[in-house]
Every structure is written in C-alpha cells, then in structure tokens.
Amino acid sequence: MTDRHFPAFQTERLDLRAITMDDAEWFLAHFSTPEIVYGQGFPAPADVGAAREQLAQYIVDLFANGDGLRWGIKSRGQDTLIGSAGFYDWDREVGSAELGYDLVPAYWGQGIMTEALTAILGYGFDAMALNRVQVLVMPRNQRSLSLAGRLGFVREGVLRDHGVDETGAVCDDVILSLLRREWGGTAVRQASALDLRRVESPPQSSRENGIVPDNLFPELETARLHLREITMDDADWLLAHRSAPAIVHGQGFPAPVDITEAREQMARFILDLFARGEGLRWGIAMKGDDALVGSAGFDDWDHTVRSVEMDYDLEPGRWGQGIMTEALTAILDHGFGAMGLKRVQVLVMPRNERSLRLVRRLGFVREGVLRDHGVDETGTIRDDVTLSLLRREWDGAAVR
C-alpha cells in the first residue's frame, strides 16, 4: 500500500496525512511526553527500535491490513506532526470502529483536536459508511472526556478492570459512542480515495505462540456434565443446533445454510480460536452421553489485560434445568483459575431476558448499553447490554 492511496485531506488550519516509518523519531518523542503517557495510559517506547515496532504494528500495518487508518495531524504549511487520530477495530459488517487520538500538549486548548476529529468523523460516517464510533477513555482523563462530549459522544457505561495503564496497573475504561444518526459534522474534501486492502495473516498455531498446546484441551467435569472439545465430527450437531429458532433468536446470528457453512463456522469460530490461542469453547454433554446439548467458552482473549468475552448456548429442551449455570460455573472457575483471568465480559441483546437473568445469578454486573453495537439474524442493527465479572467477585464452587 503506497501513501498516495491514503485518504489525506485538509481542514481550515490542518493537514491530515499518512503516518509513515519516516515519522519514527517523532513517534518516539511524542509518545514519551509525560502528558501523553498519562492520557493514553501506555508506557513510552524504550528507544527508536521499539518506536518503529509500535509504529509498524499500530499505524502502518493497521492501514495495510484494512483494519483501520490513523492520520498524522500537522498545521497547514508546516512539516512537523503535532498529533495523530484515527480509527481501528473496523468492523465492516456492523459498520463500527473505535476512535483514538493524541495531541502535543503545547497545542492543547486551541480547538485543534476538535477540528481534526470533526473532519475524521465526517469521513468515517461518509466514506467508510460507519454507523457507530466508540471511544474508550480512562476516568482520570477529564480533558478527553470533555472533548468527546463536545463532539456529541454519549456515555454508555464504565468497563471495570478493562485495561492496564502505563505502570501495568489494571484500570477501568469509560465507554462512549457516537452514532451516524446523531452526527452533525460537515463533509470534508478528500485529497484521494479510500483504497483499503485486507491482508489475511496465516493463523499462528498455539505451539508457535506458546499459549496452550494443541493436544491439551482442558476437558472439565461437573456433577452432571462433561465439558469436552468440539471437533469437526460435531458439524451435523452444530448445523441442527444453530438452526433452532430459539437459538437464532437468542444469539442473534443467522442459521448456517447447509453443512458446508456449518463446518466453515466451526473451523473459524471454534477450532481456529483454540489453535490461535485466542480462546476456547467447550461442548456441553451429559455424563455418560457424548452427544452435545450446548456449548460455552471464551473468545477475544487479551493476555495482557487478562480478559475475555464469554458466550454460551443450550438446546431449548434443556432449559430450566440449571445445566448452563452448572457449566458456566465450571468454565468460570477454570478461567479465573488456570487461565489467570481478571475480567470476563458478556454481551447480551436486551431482548434476551433469560440470558440476562442467568449472568446476573452468576454475579455479573451490568456496565451499560452499547448502542447500535451489533446486527441481529435479520441484519438489523441492535444494541448490546454489556456486563462483567471480576476475579475478586467470583465465588464459584471449585471444579472437581
């Protein structure tokens, strides 16, 4: 991807351009500034080598991989960057992205970031067809919270123990969002058209990343249940299970159209999840019967923050028997114990009252409602209730 494909543009006072590896020295100096370290909550790069690695990973490769884009901000007619801002975690299906930004302290209080973000948000809602932009801000960063509020972002909640700060201490994040229908920004003139290409990285095996050996899936047992590994031999079950109307309604995902799609989904969301070390999902079977009755597990495993997202489903004929409570108690024990987790998050559609009651019984705390955060089985944009459970709150019984 060459710089000429990057969507550079201008505002009244600013040039917004691509950030390249030539900006590594600026990156090192900028992200070593105490005010930036404090506001962002990331430790300063150790040296120019570390700065180049971070620049490649979080900015240059972000654009090359089609996962987002980040602009360098400079005053018109000047060459030196004074900040950066842009989108990452771009989800094209949902039409959402996360926004990040930073500015040299000497330029604070002049409306520069407001001007830059007005242009960038206009571009996001227009050229990128975003429907939702979210921002995560540490509660201590009142300046950033005020800026987001002026731009129209709505506070949705506080994600407890969601990140780590520059010292490695666990911290909360305030989550705010801005929806397209709420946006009143003006369109900006583009200097070039958007041309993002997605580059798929080959999955890294768990043996390569050192997270968990391929042959040691942690099977669990409870009083009534055997929680085992899901394999390709379970594809017919997955097709039938994920096609049940009650499961489709509760999960908000369309049913697989045939066995081929079921096998593709199983590989992508279950088998590859474990192989890449990004999570693991158990099949739930009754003791003495290998046939599955549901599944549950973790994904989006952040090994630095030690957090995951939890998901689960159960055949409707087994509802009301305490089976999922029993399964999740064992899984949460394993997560907070063997996996060393500090935070487990769950996202539930507001209509799924049964699921909301289940996680509350397990001790999950409601943190907020993420507006227009996902799509349901019909392709309609939907909200998600976000809840979390922290290690210090967990009092589940030990798994035998």
Protein backbone atom coordinates (compact mmCIF):
# COMPACT_ATOMS: atom_id res chain seq x y z
CA MET A 1 0.00 0.00 0.00
CA THR A 2 1.54 3.28 -1.06
CA ASP A 3 0.97 6.64 0.60
CA ARG A 4 -0.89 8.02 -2.44
CA HIS A 5 -3.79 5.68 -1.66
CA PHE A 6 -4.14 7.04 1.86
CA PRO A 7 -7.09 9.50 2.16
CA ALA A 8 -5.23 12.68 3.07
CA PHE A 9 -7.27 15.88 3.39
CA GLN A 10 -7.27 19.41 4.76
CA THR A 11 -9.31 21.47 7.18
CA GLU A 12 -9.19 25.22 7.73
CA ARG A 13 -5.97 25.03 9.75
CA LEU A 14 -4.73 21.47 9.40
CA ASP A 15 -3.27 18.90 7.03
CA LEU A 16 -4.17 15.30 7.83
CA ARG A 17 -1.79 12.88 6.14
CA ALA A 18 -0.47 9.34 6.28
CA ILE A 19 2.00 8.47 9.02
CA THR A 20 4.99 6.53 7.68
CA MET A 21 8.08 4.85 9.06
CA ASP A 22 9.91 8.13 8.39
CA ASP A 23 7.99 9.51 11.39
CA ALA A 24 9.59 7.09 13.87
CA GLU A 25 11.70 9.77 15.60
CA TRP A 26 8.64 11.96 16.08
CA PHE A 27 6.68 8.93 17.33
CA LEU A 28 9.35 8.21 19.94
CA ALA A 29 9.48 11.80 21.21
CA HIS A 30 5.70 12.30 21.13
CA PHE A 31 4.73 9.12 22.94
CA SER A 32 7.45 9.69 25.53
CA THR A 33 5.91 13.01 26.61
CA PRO A 34 4.64 12.61 30.20
CA GLU A 35 1.24 14.18 29.45
CA ILE A 36 0.71 11.80 26.50
CA VAL A 37 1.78 8.76 28.52
CA TYR A 38 -0.60 9.77 31.32
CA GLY A 39 -3.53 10.48 28.99
CA GLN A 40 -3.10 7.39 26.82
CA GLY A 41 -2.13 5.01 29.61
CA PHE A 42 0.62 3.34 27.53
CA PRO A 43 4.27 3.20 28.56
CA ALA A 44 6.70 5.22 26.44
CA PRO A 45 8.68 3.34 23.77
CA ALA A 46 12.05 2.29 25.18
CA ASP A 47 14.03 3.50 22.16
CA VAL A 48 13.71 4.22 18.46
CA GLY A 49 13.73 0.50 17.71
CA ALA A 50 10.70 -0.04 19.94
CA ALA A 51 9.10 3.07 18.45
CA ARG A 52 9.49 1.66 14.94
CA GLU A 53 7.94 -1.65 16.01
CA GLN A 54 4.95 0.11 17.59
CA LEU A 55 4.58 2.45 14.62
CA ALA A 56 4.50 -0.50 12.24
CA GLN A 57 2.10 -2.56 14.37
CA TYR A 58 -0.41 0.10 15.39
CA ILE A 59 -0.39 2.52 12.47
CA VAL A 60 1.31 1.41 9.26
CA ASP A 61 0.11 -2.21 9.35
CA LEU A 62 -3.32 -1.09 10.57
CA PHE A 63 -3.92 0.56 7.21
CA ALA A 64 -2.16 -2.11 5.14
CA ASN A 65 -4.31 -4.84 6.72
CA GLY A 66 -7.53 -2.91 6.20
CA ASP A 67 -8.30 -2.82 9.92
CA GLY A 68 -8.44 0.97 10.19
CA LEU A 69 -6.41 4.09 9.49
CA ARG A 70 -4.72 6.80 11.53
CA TRP A 71 -3.89 10.27 10.31
CA GLY A 72 -0.94 12.39 11.26
CA ILE A 73 -2.00 15.94 12.19
CA LYS A 74 0.07 18.98 11.27
CA SER A 75 -0.55 22.68 10.90
CA ARG A 76 -1.01 23.75 7.29
CA GLY A 77 2.24 24.84 5.75
CA GLN A 78 4.32 23.08 8.41
CA ASP A 79 6.14 19.74 8.13
CA THR A 80 6.24 18.57 11.75
CA LEU A 81 3.43 16.43 13.11
CA ILE A 82 1.66 17.71 16.21
CA GLY A 83 -0.60 14.72 16.86
CA SER A 84 -2.49 11.80 15.39
CA ALA A 85 -6.03 10.45 15.29
CA GLY A 86 -7.98 7.73 13.56
CA PHE A 87 -9.95 4.50 13.59
CA TYR A 88 -9.09 0.91 14.47
CA ASP A 89 -11.04 -2.30 15.13
CA TRP A 90 -13.02 -1.55 11.97
CA ASP A 91 -15.97 -3.98 11.71
CA ARG A 92 -17.41 -3.66 8.23
CA GLU A 93 -20.39 -5.92 8.90
CA VAL A 94 -21.64 -3.86 11.83
CA GLY A 95 -20.27 -0.58 10.46
CA SER A 96 -18.36 0.27 13.62
CA ALA A 97 -14.88 1.40 14.61
CA GLU A 98 -13.01 2.64 17.67
CA LEU A 99 -11.51 6.13 17.71
CA GLY A 100 -8.15 7.12 19.19
CA TYR A 101 -6.37 10.49 19.28
CA ASP A 102 -3.46 12.40 20.81
CA LEU A 103 -2.03 15.92 20.53
CA VAL A 104 1.23 17.60 21.53
CA PRO A 105 0.43 19.39 24.85
CA ALA A 106 1.65 22.77 23.56
CA TYR A 107 -1.33 22.74 21.16
CA TRP A 108 -3.99 21.93 23.74
CA GLY A 109 -6.81 24.42 24.25
CA GLN A 110 -6.76 25.76 20.67
CA GLY A 111 -9.60 23.63 19.23
CA ILE A 112 -7.17 21.69 17.04
CA MET A 113 -8.30 18.21 18.00
CA THR A 114 -11.95 19.20 17.72
CA GLU A 115 -11.23 20.44 14.18
CA ALA A 116 -9.30 17.28 13.27
CA LEU A 117 -11.86 14.88 14.70
CA THR A 118 -14.74 16.72 13.05
CA ALA A 119 -13.08 16.02 9.70
CA ILE A 120 -12.18 12.44 10.59
CA LEU A 121 -15.65 11.60 11.92
CA GLY A 122 -17.22 13.12 8.83
CA TYR A 123 -15.02 10.90 6.71
CA GLY A 124 -15.82 7.85 8.82
CA PHE A 125 -19.60 8.26 8.64
CA ASP A 126 -19.46 9.10 4.94
CA ALA A 127 -16.66 7.36 3.04
CA MET A 128 -16.26 4.44 5.45
CA ALA A 129 -20.05 4.05 5.92
CA LEU A 130 -19.69 3.78 9.68
CA ASN A 131 -22.81 3.60 11.79
CA ARG A 132 -21.13 3.59 15.22
CA VAL A 133 -17.88 5.09 16.52
CA GLN A 134 -16.86 4.27 20.07
CA VAL A 135 -14.10 5.66 22.24
CA LEU A 136 -12.57 4.27 25.43
CA VAL A 137 -11.21 6.81 27.92
CA MET A 138 -9.64 6.30 31.34
CA PRO A 139 -11.78 8.02 34.01
CA ARG A 140 -8.82 10.20 35.04
CA ASN A 141 -8.59 11.77 31.56
CA GLN A 142 -11.17 14.51 32.04
CA ARG A 143 -9.84 16.54 29.10
CA SER A 144 -10.51 13.67 26.71
CA LEU A 145 -13.94 13.00 28.21
CA SER A 146 -14.84 16.68 27.74
CA LEU A 147 -13.68 16.60 24.12
CA ALA A 148 -15.75 13.51 23.32
CA GLY A 149 -18.77 15.08 25.00
CA ARG A 150 -18.43 18.25 22.89
CA LEU A 151 -18.38 16.13 19.75
CA GLY A 152 -21.65 14.50 20.75
CA PHE A 153 -20.44 11.18 22.14
CA VAL A 154 -22.83 9.58 24.63
CA ARG A 155 -21.52 7.85 27.74
CA GLU A 156 -22.70 4.24 27.78
CA GLY A 157 -21.03 2.91 30.90
CA VAL A 158 -17.81 2.04 32.70
CA LEU A 159 -15.97 -1.17 31.77
CA ARG A 160 -14.43 -2.33 35.02
CA ASP A 161 -10.82 -3.60 35.07
CA HIS A 162 -10.90 -3.36 31.27
CA GLY A 163 -7.33 -2.24 30.60
CA VAL A 164 -3.93 -1.56 32.09
CA ASP A 165 -2.22 1.80 32.47
CA GLU A 166 1.39 2.79 31.83
CA THR A 167 2.50 1.23 35.12
CA GLY A 168 0.83 -2.12 34.39
CA ALA A 169 -1.95 -1.46 36.93
CA VAL A 170 -5.43 -2.63 35.96
CA CYS A 171 -7.81 0.26 35.25
CA ASP A 172 -11.39 0.97 34.24
CA ASP A 173 -12.43 2.46 30.90
CA VAL A 174 -15.33 4.81 30.25
CA ILE A 175 -17.04 3.79 27.01
CA LEU A 176 -18.80 6.41 24.86
CA SER A 177 -20.27 6.20 21.38
CA LEU A 178 -21.49 8.39 18.57
CA LEU A 179 -23.99 7.10 16.01
CA ARG A 180 -24.37 8.22 12.43
CA ARG A 181 -27.89 9.50 13.05
CA GLU A 182 -26.52 11.76 15.80
CA TRP A 183 -23.66 13.16 13.76
CA GLY A 184 -23.91 16.74 12.59
CA GLY A 185 -20.38 17.14 11.23
CA THR A 186 -19.78 18.58 7.77
CA ALA A 187 -18.26 16.66 4.89
CA VAL A 188 -14.55 17.14 4.19
CA ARG A 189 -12.75 17.36 0.89
CA GLN A 190 -10.71 14.27 0.23
CA ALA A 191 -7.34 14.53 -1.43
CA SER A 192 -7.54 10.88 -2.51
CA ALA A 193 -9.95 7.96 -2.49
CA LEU A 194 -10.02 5.25 0.14
CA ASP A 195 -8.41 2.03 -1.07
CA LEU A 196 -8.01 -0.36 1.85
CA ARG A 197 -6.99 -3.93 1.17
CA ARG A 198 -7.42 -6.72 3.66
CA VAL A 199 -4.36 -8.91 4.06
CA GLU A 200 -5.13 -12.15 5.83
CA SER A 201 -2.36 -13.31 8.15
CA PRO A 202 -1.91 -17.07 8.36
CA PRO A 203 -3.14 -18.44 11.68
CA GLN A 204 -0.37 -18.91 14.19
CA SER A 205 -0.51 -22.28 15.86
CA SER A 206 -0.67 -22.49 19.61
CA ARG A 207 2.65 -24.29 19.60
CA GLU A 208 4.23 -21.27 17.89
CA ASN A 209 2.76 -18.63 20.18
CA GLY A 210 3.34 -20.62 23.34
CA ILE A 211 -0.15 -20.12 24.73
CA VAL A 212 -1.59 -23.61 25.00
CA PRO A 213 -0.53 -26.91 23.45
CA ASP A 214 -2.79 -28.22 20.67
CA ASN A 215 -3.25 -31.63 22.33
CA LEU A 216 -4.11 -30.39 25.80
CA PHE A 217 -7.65 -29.09 25.50
CA PRO A 218 -8.80 -28.72 29.14
CA GLU A 219 -11.79 -31.04 29.46
CA LEU A 220 -13.87 -30.41 32.59
CA GLU A 221 -16.42 -32.39 34.57
CA THR A 222 -19.18 -31.35 36.94
CA ALA A 223 -21.79 -33.34 38.85
CA ARG A 224 -23.90 -33.89 35.73
CA LEU A 225 -21.82 -32.68 32.81
CA HIS A 226 -18.80 -33.50 30.69
CA LEU A 227 -17.33 -30.38 29.04
CA ARG A 228 -15.24 -31.57 26.12
CA GLU A 229 -13.51 -30.37 22.99
CA ILE A 230 -15.67 -29.69 19.94
CA THR A 231 -14.36 -31.29 16.73
CA MET A 232 -15.33 -31.46 13.08
CA ASP A 233 -17.24 -34.63 13.90
CA ASP A 234 -19.78 -32.36 15.63
CA ALA A 235 -20.60 -30.39 12.47
CA ASP A 236 -24.01 -32.05 11.96
CA TRP A 237 -24.93 -31.19 15.55
CA LEU A 238 -23.79 -27.59 15.05
CA LEU A 239 -25.93 -27.23 11.93
CA ALA A 240 -29.05 -28.52 13.70
CA HIS A 241 -28.34 -26.65 16.93
CA ARG A 242 -27.60 -23.27 15.35
CA SER A 243 -30.68 -23.63 13.13
CA ALA A 244 -33.10 -23.94 16.07
CA PRO A 245 -35.33 -20.80 16.06
CA ALA A 246 -34.87 -20.25 19.81
CA ILE A 247 -31.06 -20.33 19.42
CA VAL A 248 -31.15 -17.97 16.43
CA HIS A 249 -33.35 -15.55 18.37
CA GLY A 250 -31.19 -15.68 21.49
CA GLN A 251 -27.82 -15.45 19.76
CA GLY A 252 -28.84 -13.02 17.03
CA PHE A 253 -26.91 -14.92 14.33
CA PRO A 254 -28.48 -16.35 11.16
CA ALA A 255 -28.56 -20.13 10.93
CA PRO A 256 -25.95 -21.86 8.75
CA VAL A 257 -27.45 -22.52 5.32
CA ASP A 258 -26.02 -26.04 4.99
CA ILE A 259 -23.43 -28.45 6.38
CA THR A 260 -20.65 -26.79 4.41
CA GLU A 261 -21.30 -23.41 6.04
CA ALA A 262 -21.66 -25.10 9.43
CA ARG A 263 -18.21 -26.65 9.01
CA GLU A 264 -16.77 -23.30 7.95
CA GLN A 265 -18.24 -21.60 11.01
CA MET A 266 -16.97 -24.37 13.27
CA ALA A 267 -13.45 -24.00 11.88
CA ARG A 268 -13.44 -20.22 12.13
CA PHE A 269 -15.16 -19.62 15.46
CA ILE A 270 -14.27 -22.74 17.45
CA LEU A 271 -11.36 -24.83 16.14
CA ASP A 272 -9.18 -21.96 14.89
CA LEU A 273 -10.00 -19.94 18.01
CA PHE A 274 -8.20 -22.53 20.13
CA ALA A 275 -5.41 -23.14 17.63
CA ARG A 276 -4.54 -19.43 17.57
CA GLY A 277 -4.62 -19.15 21.35
CA GLU A 278 -7.41 -16.54 21.22
CA GLY A 279 -9.87 -18.51 23.33
CA LEU A 280 -11.54 -21.87 23.72
CA ARG A 281 -15.06 -23.24 23.57
CA TRP A 282 -16.33 -26.35 25.28
CA GLY A 283 -19.03 -28.68 24.03
CA ILE A 284 -21.52 -29.50 26.79
CA ALA A 285 -22.60 -33.14 27.12
CA MET A 286 -24.45 -35.01 29.81
CA LYS A 287 -22.26 -37.50 31.66
CA GLY A 288 -22.42 -40.93 30.03
CA ASP A 289 -23.61 -39.49 26.70
CA ASP A 290 -21.18 -37.95 24.24
CA ALA A 291 -23.95 -36.13 22.31
CA LEU A 292 -23.72 -32.38 22.75
CA VAL A 293 -26.54 -30.34 24.25
CA GLY A 294 -24.85 -26.93 24.05
CA SER A 295 -21.57 -25.07 24.07
CA ALA A 296 -19.86 -22.30 26.02
CA GLY A 297 -16.50 -20.64 26.27
CA PHE A 298 -14.24 -17.65 25.87
CA ASP A 299 -13.04 -15.57 22.94
CA ASP A 300 -11.20 -12.25 22.46
CA TRP A 301 -8.61 -13.41 24.99
CA ASP A 302 -6.38 -10.46 25.89
CA HIS A 303 -3.33 -11.98 27.56
CA THR A 304 -2.02 -8.59 28.71
CA VAL A 305 -5.16 -7.38 30.47
CA ARG A 306 -6.18 -10.98 31.22
CA SER A 307 -9.71 -10.50 29.98
CA VAL A 308 -12.06 -12.46 27.72
CA GLU A 309 -15.58 -12.36 26.37
CA MET A 310 -17.88 -15.26 27.27
CA ASP A 311 -20.54 -16.82 25.07
CA TYR A 312 -22.87 -19.79 25.53
CA ASP A 313 -25.88 -21.61 24.08
CA LEU A 314 -28.05 -24.57 25.14
CA GLU A 315 -30.65 -26.70 23.41
CA PRO A 316 -34.10 -25.34 24.35
CA GLY A 317 -35.23 -28.78 25.54
CA ARG A 318 -32.63 -28.49 28.34
CA TRP A 319 -33.61 -25.02 29.52
CA GLY A 320 -34.77 -24.58 33.11
CA GLN A 321 -32.68 -27.47 34.50
CA GLY A 322 -29.70 -25.45 35.78
CA ILE A 323 -27.42 -27.01 33.18
CA MET A 324 -25.94 -23.77 31.87
CA THR A 325 -25.41 -22.43 35.38
CA GLU A 326 -23.51 -25.62 36.21
CA ALA A 327 -21.46 -25.48 33.02
CA LEU A 328 -20.58 -21.80 33.34
CA THR A 329 -19.61 -22.21 36.99
CA ALA A 330 -17.02 -24.78 35.93
CA ILE A 331 -15.85 -22.70 32.98
CA LEU A 332 -15.54 -19.52 35.06
CA ASP A 333 -13.61 -21.43 37.72
CA HIS A 334 -11.21 -22.58 35.01
CA GLY A 335 -10.96 -19.07 33.58
CA PHE A 336 -10.21 -17.32 36.87
CA GLY A 337 -8.01 -20.21 37.98
CA ALA A 338 -5.96 -21.97 35.29
CA MET A 339 -6.21 -19.15 32.72
CA GLY A 340 -5.42 -16.42 35.24
CA LEU A 341 -8.26 -14.17 34.05
CA LYS A 342 -9.12 -10.96 35.88
CA ARG A 343 -12.19 -9.93 33.87
CA VAL A 344 -14.90 -11.81 31.95
CA GLN A 345 -17.30 -9.77 29.84
CA VAL A 346 -20.55 -10.86 28.25
CA LEU A 347 -22.67 -9.06 25.64
CA VAL A 348 -26.39 -9.81 25.63
CA MET A 349 -29.15 -8.47 23.41
CA PRO A 350 -31.71 -6.58 25.51
CA ARG A 351 -34.48 -8.90 24.29
CA ASN A 352 -32.74 -11.98 25.74
CA GLU A 353 -34.10 -11.74 29.29
CA ARG A 354 -33.31 -15.39 30.02
CA SER A 355 -29.62 -14.81 29.34
CA LEU A 356 -29.57 -11.60 31.36
CA ARG A 357 -31.07 -13.40 34.36
CA LEU A 358 -28.51 -16.20 34.04
CA VAL A 359 -25.46 -13.97 34.13
CA ARG A 360 -26.87 -11.90 36.99
CA ARG A 361 -27.28 -15.10 39.01
CA LEU A 362 -23.61 -15.84 38.34
CA GLY A 363 -22.67 -12.42 39.72
CA PHE A 364 -22.14 -10.40 36.55
CA VAL A 365 -22.58 -6.64 36.94
CA ARG A 366 -24.32 -4.55 34.29
CA GLU A 367 -21.98 -1.84 33.00
CA GLY A 368 -24.08 -0.19 30.30
CA VAL A 369 -25.80 -0.48 26.93
CA LEU A 370 -23.68 -0.31 23.77
CA ARG A 371 -25.89 1.37 21.21
CA ASP A 372 -26.02 0.03 17.63
CA HIS A 373 -23.22 -2.33 18.60
CA GLY A 374 -24.13 -5.40 16.52
CA VAL A 375 -26.50 -6.87 13.97
CA ASP A 376 -29.17 -9.49 14.58
CA GLU A 377 -30.12 -12.50 12.48
CA THR A 378 -32.09 -10.32 10.07
CA GLY A 379 -29.22 -7.88 9.50
CA THR A 380 -30.88 -5.21 11.67
CA ILE A 381 -28.62 -3.04 13.82
CA ARG A 382 -29.09 -3.79 17.52
CA ASP A 383 -27.92 -2.70 20.96
CA ASP A 384 -25.93 -4.91 23.34
CA VAL A 385 -26.06 -4.92 27.13
CA THR A 386 -22.51 -5.26 28.49
CA LEU A 387 -21.89 -6.98 31.82
CA SER A 388 -18.72 -8.13 33.54
CA LEU A 389 -17.49 -10.35 36.33
CA LEU A 390 -14.13 -9.70 38.02
CA ARG A 391 -11.90 -12.28 39.65
CA ARG A 392 -12.29 -10.64 43.07
CA GLU A 393 -16.08 -11.01 42.78
CA TRP A 394 -16.06 -14.64 41.78
CA ASP A 395 -17.13 -17.06 44.46
CA GLY A 396 -17.97 -20.07 42.31
CA ALA A 397 -17.50 -23.56 43.65
CA ALA A 398 -14.31 -25.41 42.72
CA VAL A 399 -14.49 -27.79 39.77
CA ARG A 400 -13.64 -31.40 40.58
